[in-house]
Amino acid sequence: MTDKYKVKVIKKSEIKAAEPAKPAKAPSRKAAARDMVETVTSWVNDFQHRKRVETAVAFETLFAAQPSR
């Protein structure tokens, strides 16, 4: 370990007082409702998409399994 590390010494008088963080502004009721609707809509769309894919696979499997006449 021949690498030398640089250490910066900070004196107490040089430390600035941290500014208090401003509290985050709570989203308005409209924004919260809009976010909730968007979330539920995405869930419904995802559910419908999965059902369509499952149904398509089931039909393909059903009709492929039958012997051709």
N, C-alpha and C. Protein backbone atom coordinates (compact mmCIF):
# COMPACT_ATOMS: atom_id res chain seq x y z
N MET A 1 0.83 -1.18 0.00
CA MET A 1 0.00 0.00 0.00
C MET A 1 0.87 1.25 0.00
N THR A 2 1.43 1.51 -1.11
CA THR A 2 2.28 2.69 -1.22
C THR A 2 1.48 3.92 -1.65
N ASP A 3 0.21 3.70 -1.99
CA ASP A 3 -0.62 4.85 -2.39
C ASP A 3 -0.88 5.72 -1.18
N LYS A 4 -0.73 7.01 -1.39
CA LYS A 4 -0.99 7.95 -0.31
C LYS A 4 -2.33 8.61 -0.55
N TYR A 5 -3.13 8.66 0.48
CA TYR A 5 -4.45 9.25 0.39
C TYR A 5 -4.38 10.69 0.83
N LYS A 6 -5.14 11.53 0.15
CA LYS A 6 -5.21 12.93 0.55
C LYS A 6 -6.40 13.09 1.48
N VAL A 7 -6.17 13.76 2.57
CA VAL A 7 -7.21 13.99 3.54
C VAL A 7 -7.40 15.49 3.66
N LYS A 8 -8.65 15.92 3.51
CA LYS A 8 -8.95 17.33 3.64
C LYS A 8 -9.49 17.58 5.04
N VAL A 9 -8.84 18.47 5.75
CA VAL A 9 -9.26 18.80 7.12
C VAL A 9 -10.19 20.00 7.05
N ILE A 10 -11.36 19.84 7.65
CA ILE A 10 -12.33 20.92 7.67
C ILE A 10 -12.51 21.35 9.12
N LYS A 11 -12.27 22.62 9.36
CA LYS A 11 -12.39 23.13 10.71
C LYS A 11 -13.84 23.48 10.99
N LYS A 12 -14.19 23.43 12.25
CA LYS A 12 -15.57 23.71 12.63
C LYS A 12 -16.03 25.08 12.18
N SER A 13 -15.15 26.03 12.17
CA SER A 13 -15.54 27.39 11.78
C SER A 13 -15.81 27.47 10.28
N GLU A 14 -15.29 26.54 9.50
CA GLU A 14 -15.48 26.55 8.05
C GLU A 14 -16.77 25.84 7.62
N ILE A 15 -17.35 25.07 8.53
CA ILE A 15 -18.57 24.34 8.18
C ILE A 15 -19.74 25.31 8.18
N LYS A 16 -20.45 25.34 7.07
CA LYS A 16 -21.61 26.22 6.97
C LYS A 16 -22.80 25.50 7.58
N ALA A 17 -23.63 26.28 8.18
CA ALA A 17 -24.84 25.70 8.76
C ALA A 17 -25.72 25.22 7.62
N ALA A 18 -26.14 24.00 7.71
CA ALA A 18 -26.99 23.44 6.67
C ALA A 18 -28.34 24.13 6.67
N GLU A 19 -28.77 24.51 5.48
CA GLU A 19 -30.06 25.16 5.39
C GLU A 19 -31.14 24.10 5.59
N PRO A 20 -32.14 24.43 6.37
CA PRO A 20 -33.20 23.44 6.57
C PRO A 20 -33.90 23.15 5.25
N ALA A 21 -34.14 21.89 4.99
CA ALA A 21 -34.80 21.49 3.76
C ALA A 21 -36.25 21.93 3.79
N LYS A 22 -36.70 22.41 2.66
CA LYS A 22 -38.09 22.82 2.57
C LYS A 22 -38.95 21.57 2.49
N PRO A 23 -40.03 21.55 3.21
CA PRO A 23 -40.89 20.37 3.15
C PRO A 23 -41.45 20.20 1.74
N ALA A 24 -41.50 18.95 1.31
CA ALA A 24 -42.04 18.67 -0.02
C ALA A 24 -43.51 19.03 -0.06
N LYS A 25 -43.89 19.63 -1.15
CA LYS A 25 -45.27 20.06 -1.30
C LYS A 25 -46.13 18.84 -1.59
N ALA A 26 -47.16 18.64 -0.82
CA ALA A 26 -48.05 17.50 -1.01
C ALA A 26 -48.80 17.68 -2.33
N PRO A 27 -48.96 16.60 -3.08
CA PRO A 27 -49.68 16.73 -4.35
C PRO A 27 -51.14 17.12 -4.10
N SER A 28 -51.67 17.86 -5.03
CA SER A 28 -53.05 18.29 -4.87
C SER A 28 -53.98 17.09 -4.98
N ARG A 29 -55.20 17.27 -4.59
CA ARG A 29 -56.16 16.16 -4.63
C ARG A 29 -56.38 15.71 -6.07
N LYS A 30 -56.39 16.67 -7.00
CA LYS A 30 -56.57 16.32 -8.41
C LYS A 30 -55.41 15.48 -8.91
N ALA A 31 -54.20 15.89 -8.56
CA ALA A 31 -53.01 15.17 -9.01
C ALA A 31 -52.98 13.76 -8.41
N ALA A 32 -53.36 13.65 -7.15
CA ALA A 32 -53.38 12.34 -6.50
C ALA A 32 -54.43 11.44 -7.16
N ALA A 33 -55.59 11.99 -7.46
CA ALA A 33 -56.65 11.22 -8.11
C ALA A 33 -56.22 10.82 -9.52
N ARG A 34 -55.58 11.73 -10.23
CA ARG A 34 -55.11 11.45 -11.58
C ARG A 34 -54.08 10.32 -11.57
N ASP A 35 -53.19 10.36 -10.60
CA ASP A 35 -52.17 9.32 -10.47
C ASP A 35 -52.81 7.97 -10.17
N MET A 36 -53.81 7.97 -9.30
CA MET A 36 -54.51 6.73 -8.94
C MET A 36 -55.23 6.15 -10.16
N VAL A 37 -55.90 7.01 -10.92
CA VAL A 37 -56.61 6.56 -12.11
C VAL A 37 -55.62 6.00 -13.13
N GLU A 38 -54.50 6.66 -13.29
CA GLU A 38 -53.49 6.18 -14.24
C GLU A 38 -52.96 4.80 -13.83
N THR A 39 -52.75 4.60 -12.54
CA THR A 39 -52.26 3.32 -12.05
C THR A 39 -53.27 2.20 -12.29
N VAL A 40 -54.51 2.45 -11.95
CA VAL A 40 -55.56 1.44 -12.13
C VAL A 40 -55.76 1.16 -13.61
N THR A 41 -55.73 2.18 -14.44
CA THR A 41 -55.88 2.00 -15.88
C THR A 41 -54.77 1.12 -16.43
N SER A 42 -53.55 1.34 -15.98
CA SER A 42 -52.44 0.50 -16.46
C SER A 42 -52.62 -0.94 -15.99
N TRP A 43 -53.13 -1.15 -14.78
CA TRP A 43 -53.40 -2.51 -14.30
C TRP A 43 -54.43 -3.20 -15.20
N VAL A 44 -55.50 -2.48 -15.51
CA VAL A 44 -56.57 -3.05 -16.34
C VAL A 44 -56.04 -3.37 -17.73
N ASN A 45 -55.28 -2.46 -18.31
CA ASN A 45 -54.72 -2.71 -19.64
C ASN A 45 -53.79 -3.92 -19.63
N ASP A 46 -52.98 -4.04 -18.60
CA ASP A 46 -52.07 -5.17 -18.49
C ASP A 46 -52.87 -6.48 -18.35
N PHE A 47 -53.91 -6.46 -17.53
CA PHE A 47 -54.75 -7.65 -17.34
C PHE A 47 -55.41 -8.06 -18.65
N GLN A 48 -55.97 -7.08 -19.37
CA GLN A 48 -56.63 -7.38 -20.64
C GLN A 48 -55.64 -7.93 -21.66
N HIS A 49 -54.46 -7.37 -21.70
CA HIS A 49 -53.43 -7.84 -22.65
C HIS A 49 -53.05 -9.29 -22.34
N ARG A 50 -52.84 -9.60 -21.07
CA ARG A 50 -52.48 -10.98 -20.70
C ARG A 50 -53.60 -11.95 -21.06
N LYS A 51 -54.86 -11.56 -20.82
CA LYS A 51 -55.99 -12.43 -21.15
C LYS A 51 -56.05 -12.69 -22.65
N ARG A 52 -55.83 -11.65 -23.46
CA ARG A 52 -55.86 -11.80 -24.91
C ARG A 52 -54.78 -12.77 -25.37
N VAL A 53 -53.59 -12.63 -24.83
CA VAL A 53 -52.47 -13.50 -25.21
C VAL A 53 -52.77 -14.94 -24.80
N GLU A 54 -53.27 -15.12 -23.58
CA GLU A 54 -53.60 -16.48 -23.12
C GLU A 54 -54.69 -17.11 -23.99
N THR A 55 -55.69 -16.32 -24.37
CA THR A 55 -56.78 -16.83 -25.21
C THR A 55 -56.25 -17.20 -26.59
N ALA A 56 -55.39 -16.37 -27.17
CA ALA A 56 -54.83 -16.66 -28.49
C ALA A 56 -54.00 -17.94 -28.45
N VAL A 57 -53.21 -18.11 -27.42
CA VAL A 57 -52.39 -19.33 -27.29
C VAL A 57 -53.29 -20.55 -27.12
N ALA A 58 -54.37 -20.42 -26.35
CA ALA A 58 -55.29 -21.54 -26.13
C ALA A 58 -55.96 -21.95 -27.44
N PHE A 59 -56.39 -20.98 -28.26
CA PHE A 59 -57.02 -21.30 -29.54
C PHE A 59 -56.02 -21.96 -30.49
N GLU A 60 -54.79 -21.43 -30.52
CA GLU A 60 -53.77 -22.03 -31.39
C GLU A 60 -53.48 -23.47 -30.97
N THR A 61 -53.40 -23.70 -29.69
CA THR A 61 -53.14 -25.04 -29.18
C THR A 61 -54.32 -25.96 -29.48
N LEU A 62 -55.53 -25.49 -29.32
CA LEU A 62 -56.73 -26.29 -29.54
C LEU A 62 -56.85 -26.71 -31.00
N PHE A 63 -56.67 -25.75 -31.90
CA PHE A 63 -56.84 -26.06 -33.32
C PHE A 63 -55.64 -26.79 -33.91
N ALA A 64 -54.47 -26.64 -33.33
CA ALA A 64 -53.30 -27.35 -33.81
C ALA A 64 -53.33 -28.80 -33.34
N ALA A 65 -54.01 -29.08 -32.25
CA ALA A 65 -54.06 -30.43 -31.71
C ALA A 65 -54.99 -31.33 -32.49
N GLN A 66 -55.95 -30.77 -33.21
CA GLN A 66 -56.90 -31.58 -33.95
C GLN A 66 -56.24 -32.11 -35.23
N PRO A 67 -56.48 -33.38 -35.56
CA PRO A 67 -55.92 -33.90 -36.81
C PRO A 67 -56.63 -33.30 -38.00
N SER A 68 -55.88 -33.08 -39.06
CA SER A 68 -56.48 -32.49 -40.25
C SER A 68 -57.27 -33.55 -41.00
N ARG A 69 -58.36 -33.20 -41.63
CA ARG A 69 -59.21 -34.14 -42.33
C ARG A 69 -58.99 -34.10 -43.80
